[in-house]
Amino acid sequence: MTATEHRDLVVGVDPVRATPLAPAWAADEAHRRHLALRLVAAVPPPHAARHADDPRHRERTRRAADALRATADRVRARQPDVSVDTALVEGPPAAVMAGLAQEAAMVVLGSRHLSRTEEFLSAGSLVVPVTARARCPVVVVGDAEHTTQDPAYLVVGIDGSDSSRAALALAFEEADLRRCALRAVAVWQPPVFTVHTGDTLFHAERRLLSETTAGWAAKYPDVRLAHEVLIGSPVELLAEAAEHALAVVVGRRGRGGYSGMRVGSVVHGLLHRAHCPVITVPAE
């Protein structure tokens, strides 16, 4: 039994700028994993109780309900056998989604591709705070999967940490479900000062990558695995490796504060830089 069984896959629906990409990705994932799908739209509460009948709040609520209905119709048409329910919740969107992410099998969000300044100043920003606080994998779908790439593949980033080992486990599971190849990538940044030779450190990185993937390759013999060590910036090289991937899977640091700094610099960079869906996985 996997960690995602018997729990819902939760999708955030943006009532202001709803995109079909995230719900479509989630519908396909729910179908692959035999999970129920829960579509959630959160509406910020009025600033004060006496403004509960504020016309602007009523309008936001109406738009959210409309967005949920339209999204549910599209999802059911795409994957008729997936159980779908909807929830319209009053509360700050980031807090609502982060709360649901404590018990969900997986959370899927769309991305507005905000700049870093907009990300921290916008009340509508969900990606970083939810990713930072979730106990489950979080998928950020900014662009569509590259389904025309042949052969199709996923990319997983490996750095030897507990979270990257959890990412590797999920990546193998995803590749097996999708019947696609998997590229395990470690990125080595040469240190400025070191008492060891570059060749020694590079070969140590290759050995670590090989040892980390060995057991999983035996568990999933049908997954075609390639592993490589690249030299340079982890964000740039992982994004480049995933340019035509179905998704890139990376580990993230433990649950942190609202600011999102606990997601780690590589995750933070990929959320802005990668064009394919980004799947972040916490340490188990």
Protein backbone atom coordinates (compact mmCIF):
# COMPACT_ATOMS: atom_id res chain seq x y z
CA MET A 1 0.00 0.00 0.00
CA THR A 2 1.42 3.39 -0.97
CA ALA A 3 1.18 6.57 1.07
CA THR A 4 -1.30 8.03 -1.41
CA GLU A 5 -3.96 5.34 -1.09
CA HIS A 6 -7.35 5.99 0.55
CA ARG A 7 -6.85 9.75 0.65
CA ASP A 8 -8.13 12.40 -1.75
CA LEU A 9 -6.12 14.20 -4.36
CA VAL A 10 -6.86 17.89 -3.68
CA VAL A 11 -6.86 20.56 -6.39
CA GLY A 12 -6.89 24.29 -5.79
CA VAL A 13 -9.30 26.10 -8.12
CA ASP A 14 -8.57 29.79 -8.67
CA PRO A 15 -11.89 31.65 -9.04
CA VAL A 16 -10.14 34.71 -10.48
CA ARG A 17 -7.94 33.14 -13.12
CA ALA A 18 -8.97 29.51 -13.39
CA THR A 19 -6.72 27.42 -15.64
CA PRO A 20 -7.67 24.00 -17.02
CA LEU A 21 -4.11 22.65 -16.83
CA ALA A 22 -3.88 21.85 -13.12
CA PRO A 23 -7.33 20.16 -12.87
CA ALA A 24 -6.62 18.17 -16.05
CA TRP A 25 -3.26 16.98 -14.66
CA ALA A 26 -4.95 16.08 -11.37
CA ALA A 27 -7.77 14.19 -13.10
CA ASP A 28 -5.27 12.04 -14.99
CA GLU A 29 -3.25 11.43 -11.80
CA ALA A 30 -6.37 10.47 -9.86
CA HIS A 31 -7.24 8.04 -12.64
CA ARG A 32 -3.75 6.48 -12.56
CA ARG A 33 -3.79 6.13 -8.77
CA HIS A 34 -7.49 5.25 -8.36
CA LEU A 35 -8.01 8.22 -6.05
CA ALA A 36 -11.00 10.48 -5.47
CA LEU A 37 -10.57 14.08 -6.60
CA ARG A 38 -11.54 17.03 -4.45
CA LEU A 39 -11.78 20.46 -6.08
CA VAL A 40 -11.44 23.32 -3.60
CA ALA A 41 -11.96 27.06 -4.00
CA ALA A 42 -11.24 29.35 -1.06
CA VAL A 43 -12.80 32.78 -0.70
CA PRO A 44 -11.18 35.25 1.71
CA PRO A 45 -13.63 36.28 4.45
CA PRO A 46 -14.96 39.83 4.74
CA HIS A 47 -12.69 42.17 6.66
CA ALA A 48 -15.25 42.48 9.46
CA ALA A 49 -18.39 40.63 10.55
CA ARG A 50 -20.55 43.68 9.83
CA HIS A 51 -19.45 43.50 6.20
CA ALA A 52 -20.60 39.90 5.75
CA ASP A 53 -23.15 41.09 3.18
CA ASP A 54 -20.54 43.07 1.27
CA PRO A 55 -21.52 42.87 -2.45
CA ARG A 56 -17.85 42.29 -3.36
CA HIS A 57 -17.71 39.27 -1.07
CA ARG A 58 -20.94 37.91 -2.54
CA GLU A 59 -19.54 38.38 -6.03
CA ARG A 60 -16.28 36.59 -5.14
CA THR A 61 -18.30 33.73 -3.68
CA ARG A 62 -20.47 33.49 -6.78
CA ARG A 63 -17.45 33.47 -9.08
CA ALA A 64 -15.78 30.77 -6.98
CA ALA A 65 -18.91 28.59 -7.11
CA ASP A 66 -19.12 29.06 -10.89
CA ALA A 67 -15.44 28.17 -11.29
CA LEU A 68 -15.90 25.01 -9.22
CA ARG A 69 -18.88 23.86 -11.27
CA ALA A 70 -17.15 24.52 -14.59
CA THR A 71 -13.97 22.77 -13.43
CA ALA A 72 -15.90 19.77 -12.12
CA ASP A 73 -17.70 19.44 -15.47
CA ARG A 74 -14.39 19.47 -17.38
CA VAL A 75 -12.79 16.96 -15.03
CA ARG A 76 -15.72 14.55 -15.23
CA ALA A 77 -15.70 14.78 -19.01
CA ARG A 78 -11.97 14.04 -19.09
CA GLN A 79 -11.99 11.14 -16.60
CA PRO A 80 -15.57 9.86 -16.17
CA ASP A 81 -14.56 7.08 -13.77
CA VAL A 82 -12.91 9.43 -11.24
CA SER A 83 -15.01 10.35 -8.21
CA VAL A 84 -15.17 14.16 -8.00
CA ASP A 85 -16.51 16.41 -5.29
CA THR A 86 -16.24 20.16 -4.75
CA ALA A 87 -15.78 22.37 -1.70
CA LEU A 88 -16.26 26.13 -1.43
CA VAL A 89 -14.44 27.24 1.72
CA GLU A 90 -14.32 30.65 3.37
CA GLY A 91 -10.82 31.54 4.50
CA PRO A 92 -7.43 32.79 3.29
CA PRO A 93 -6.63 30.61 0.26
CA ALA A 94 -3.05 29.79 1.30
CA ALA A 95 -4.11 28.81 4.82
CA VAL A 96 -7.05 26.73 3.55
CA MET A 97 -4.95 24.80 1.05
CA ALA A 98 -2.07 24.34 3.48
CA GLY A 99 -4.52 22.91 6.01
CA LEU A 100 -5.95 20.46 3.49
CA ALA A 101 -2.42 19.46 2.49
CA GLN A 102 -1.86 17.96 5.94
CA GLU A 103 -4.11 14.99 5.19
CA ALA A 104 -4.31 14.84 1.38
CA ALA A 105 -2.61 12.21 -0.77
CA MET A 106 -1.35 14.97 -3.04
CA VAL A 107 -2.11 18.63 -3.68
CA VAL A 108 -2.17 20.10 -7.18
CA LEU A 109 -1.94 23.84 -7.81
CA GLY A 110 -1.83 26.00 -10.89
CA SER A 111 0.81 28.67 -11.25
CA ARG A 112 0.37 32.30 -12.21
CA HIS A 113 4.12 32.58 -12.83
CA LEU A 114 4.40 35.44 -10.35
CA SER A 115 7.66 37.26 -9.96
CA ARG A 116 9.33 36.79 -6.57
CA THR A 117 8.13 40.24 -5.45
CA GLU A 118 4.56 39.52 -6.56
CA GLU A 119 4.72 36.11 -4.95
CA PHE A 120 5.37 37.50 -1.50
CA LEU A 121 3.07 40.53 -1.80
CA SER A 122 0.09 38.93 -3.54
CA ALA A 123 -2.73 37.69 -1.32
CA GLY A 124 -3.60 35.21 -4.06
CA SER A 125 -0.22 33.50 -4.07
CA LEU A 126 -0.52 29.86 -3.03
CA VAL A 127 2.44 28.04 -4.48
CA VAL A 128 5.25 28.86 -2.06
CA PRO A 129 3.35 28.90 1.26
CA VAL A 130 1.43 25.70 0.49
CA THR A 131 4.53 23.93 -0.82
CA ALA A 132 6.45 24.96 2.29
CA ARG A 133 3.86 23.70 4.76
CA ALA A 134 2.38 20.58 3.11
CA ARG A 135 2.95 17.10 4.52
CA CYS A 136 2.22 15.50 1.15
CA PRO A 137 3.64 15.88 -2.37
CA VAL A 138 2.67 19.16 -4.00
CA VAL A 139 2.43 19.49 -7.77
CA VAL A 140 2.66 22.90 -9.43
CA VAL A 141 1.35 22.87 -12.99
CA GLY A 142 2.43 25.99 -14.82
CA ASP A 143 2.58 24.48 -18.29
CA ALA A 144 1.31 21.31 -19.90
CA GLU A 145 3.21 18.04 -19.88
CA HIS A 146 5.39 17.37 -22.89
CA THR A 147 3.40 14.33 -23.99
CA THR A 148 4.79 14.44 -27.55
CA GLN A 149 8.35 13.72 -26.39
CA ASP A 150 9.43 10.24 -27.50
CA PRO A 151 10.32 8.42 -25.39
CA ALA A 152 8.40 10.13 -22.60
CA TYR A 153 10.39 10.60 -19.40
CA LEU A 154 10.40 12.07 -15.91
CA VAL A 155 13.35 13.78 -14.21
CA VAL A 156 14.21 13.37 -10.52
CA GLY A 157 16.84 15.42 -8.71
CA ILE A 158 19.11 13.50 -6.31
CA ASP A 159 21.38 15.07 -3.68
CA GLY A 160 21.61 12.35 -1.03
CA SER A 161 19.17 14.02 1.40
CA ASP A 162 16.20 12.28 3.00
CA SER A 163 13.80 14.40 0.95
CA SER A 164 15.54 13.51 -2.31
CA ARG A 165 15.27 9.82 -1.42
CA ALA A 166 11.53 10.35 -0.89
CA ALA A 167 11.41 12.14 -4.25
CA LEU A 168 13.17 9.20 -5.88
CA ALA A 169 10.61 6.76 -4.45
CA LEU A 170 7.73 8.83 -5.83
CA ALA A 171 9.49 9.33 -9.17
CA PHE A 172 9.90 5.58 -9.68
CA GLU A 173 6.26 5.04 -8.74
CA GLU A 174 5.17 7.76 -11.19
CA ALA A 175 7.34 6.39 -13.98
CA ASP A 176 5.94 2.90 -13.42
CA LEU A 177 2.35 4.18 -13.47
CA ARG A 178 3.00 6.15 -16.65
CA ARG A 179 5.14 3.48 -18.34
CA CYS A 180 7.78 6.09 -19.07
CA ALA A 181 11.54 6.42 -18.61
CA LEU A 182 13.19 8.08 -15.61
CA ARG A 183 16.27 10.29 -15.59
CA ALA A 184 17.93 10.54 -12.17
CA VAL A 185 20.10 13.65 -12.11
CA ALA A 186 22.64 14.79 -9.54
CA VAL A 187 24.15 18.23 -9.98
CA TRP A 188 27.63 18.84 -8.66
CA GLN A 189 28.87 22.36 -8.02
CA PRO A 190 32.67 22.36 -7.81
CA PRO A 191 33.76 23.96 -4.52
CA VAL A 192 35.91 27.07 -4.68
CA PHE A 193 38.37 25.72 -2.11
CA THR A 194 38.93 22.01 -1.54
CA VAL A 195 41.73 19.70 -0.52
CA HIS A 196 40.40 17.01 -2.89
CA THR A 197 40.73 16.89 -6.64
CA GLY A 198 37.70 17.65 -8.77
CA ASP A 199 37.82 14.18 -10.34
CA THR A 200 37.64 12.51 -6.93
CA LEU A 201 34.57 14.49 -5.87
CA PHE A 202 32.88 14.03 -9.24
CA HIS A 203 33.33 10.26 -9.15
CA ALA A 204 32.09 10.19 -5.54
CA GLU A 205 28.93 11.96 -6.71
CA ARG A 206 28.45 9.39 -9.48
CA ARG A 207 28.91 6.53 -7.00
CA LEU A 208 26.36 8.08 -4.61
CA LEU A 209 23.83 8.42 -7.43
CA SER A 210 24.36 4.83 -8.53
CA GLU A 211 24.01 3.47 -5.00
CA THR A 212 20.93 5.59 -4.27
CA THR A 213 19.04 4.35 -7.33
CA ALA A 214 20.15 0.70 -7.23
CA GLY A 215 17.47 -0.69 -4.93
CA TRP A 216 14.64 1.18 -6.63
CA ALA A 217 15.72 0.03 -10.08
CA ALA A 218 15.43 -3.57 -8.84
CA LYS A 219 11.97 -2.88 -7.40
CA TYR A 220 10.74 -1.32 -10.66
CA PRO A 221 12.47 -3.40 -13.37
CA ASP A 222 10.13 -2.12 -16.08
CA VAL A 223 11.22 1.49 -15.58
CA ARG A 224 14.03 2.40 -17.95
CA LEU A 225 16.50 4.31 -15.79
CA ALA A 226 19.27 6.66 -16.81
CA HIS A 227 21.41 8.50 -14.29
CA GLU A 228 23.87 11.29 -14.82
CA VAL A 229 25.94 13.81 -12.89
CA LEU A 230 25.93 17.35 -14.26
CA ILE A 231 28.27 20.16 -13.29
CA GLY A 232 26.95 23.64 -12.59
CA SER A 233 23.87 25.33 -11.12
CA PRO A 234 21.28 22.82 -9.81
CA VAL A 235 18.30 24.99 -10.73
CA GLU A 236 19.42 25.74 -14.26
CA LEU A 237 20.61 22.23 -15.06
CA LEU A 238 17.58 20.45 -13.59
CA ALA A 239 15.26 22.82 -15.45
CA GLU A 240 17.22 22.19 -18.65
CA ALA A 241 17.15 18.41 -18.13
CA ALA A 242 13.36 18.62 -17.66
CA GLU A 243 12.77 20.90 -20.64
CA HIS A 244 10.81 18.18 -22.47
CA ALA A 245 9.88 16.03 -19.48
CA LEU A 246 6.45 15.01 -18.25
CA ALA A 247 7.47 16.46 -14.86
CA VAL A 248 10.46 17.10 -12.62
CA VAL A 249 10.43 15.58 -9.13
CA VAL A 250 12.53 17.02 -6.30
CA GLY A 251 12.67 16.78 -2.52
CA ARG A 252 11.96 19.74 -0.33
CA ARG A 253 12.91 20.63 3.21
CA GLY A 254 10.70 20.00 6.24
CA ARG A 255 7.53 21.91 6.98
CA GLY A 256 8.38 25.54 7.44
CA GLY A 257 6.86 28.95 7.94
CA TYR A 258 4.64 30.97 5.65
CA SER A 259 7.53 32.73 3.97
CA GLY A 260 8.38 29.59 2.07
CA MET A 261 12.11 29.77 2.67
CA ARG A 262 11.99 26.23 4.06
CA VAL A 263 11.23 24.80 0.61
CA GLY A 264 14.91 25.22 -0.27
CA SER A 265 16.61 27.28 -2.94
CA VAL A 266 16.49 24.58 -5.63
CA VAL A 267 12.75 24.03 -5.23
CA HIS A 268 12.17 27.77 -5.12
CA GLY A 269 14.16 28.21 -8.32
CA LEU A 270 12.46 25.38 -10.17
CA LEU A 271 9.01 26.73 -9.31
CA HIS A 272 9.97 29.84 -11.26
CA ARG A 273 12.21 28.34 -13.92
CA ALA A 274 10.83 24.93 -14.98
CA HIS A 275 8.28 24.76 -17.79
CA CYS A 276 6.96 21.30 -16.98
CA PRO A 277 4.97 20.39 -13.85
CA VAL A 278 7.11 20.47 -10.69
CA ILE A 279 6.45 17.77 -8.08
CA THR A 280 7.98 18.48 -4.67
CA VAL A 281 8.17 15.77 -2.03
CA PRO A 282 8.83 16.13 1.71
CA ALA A 283 11.09 13.78 3.61
CA GLU A 284 9.08 10.83 4.94
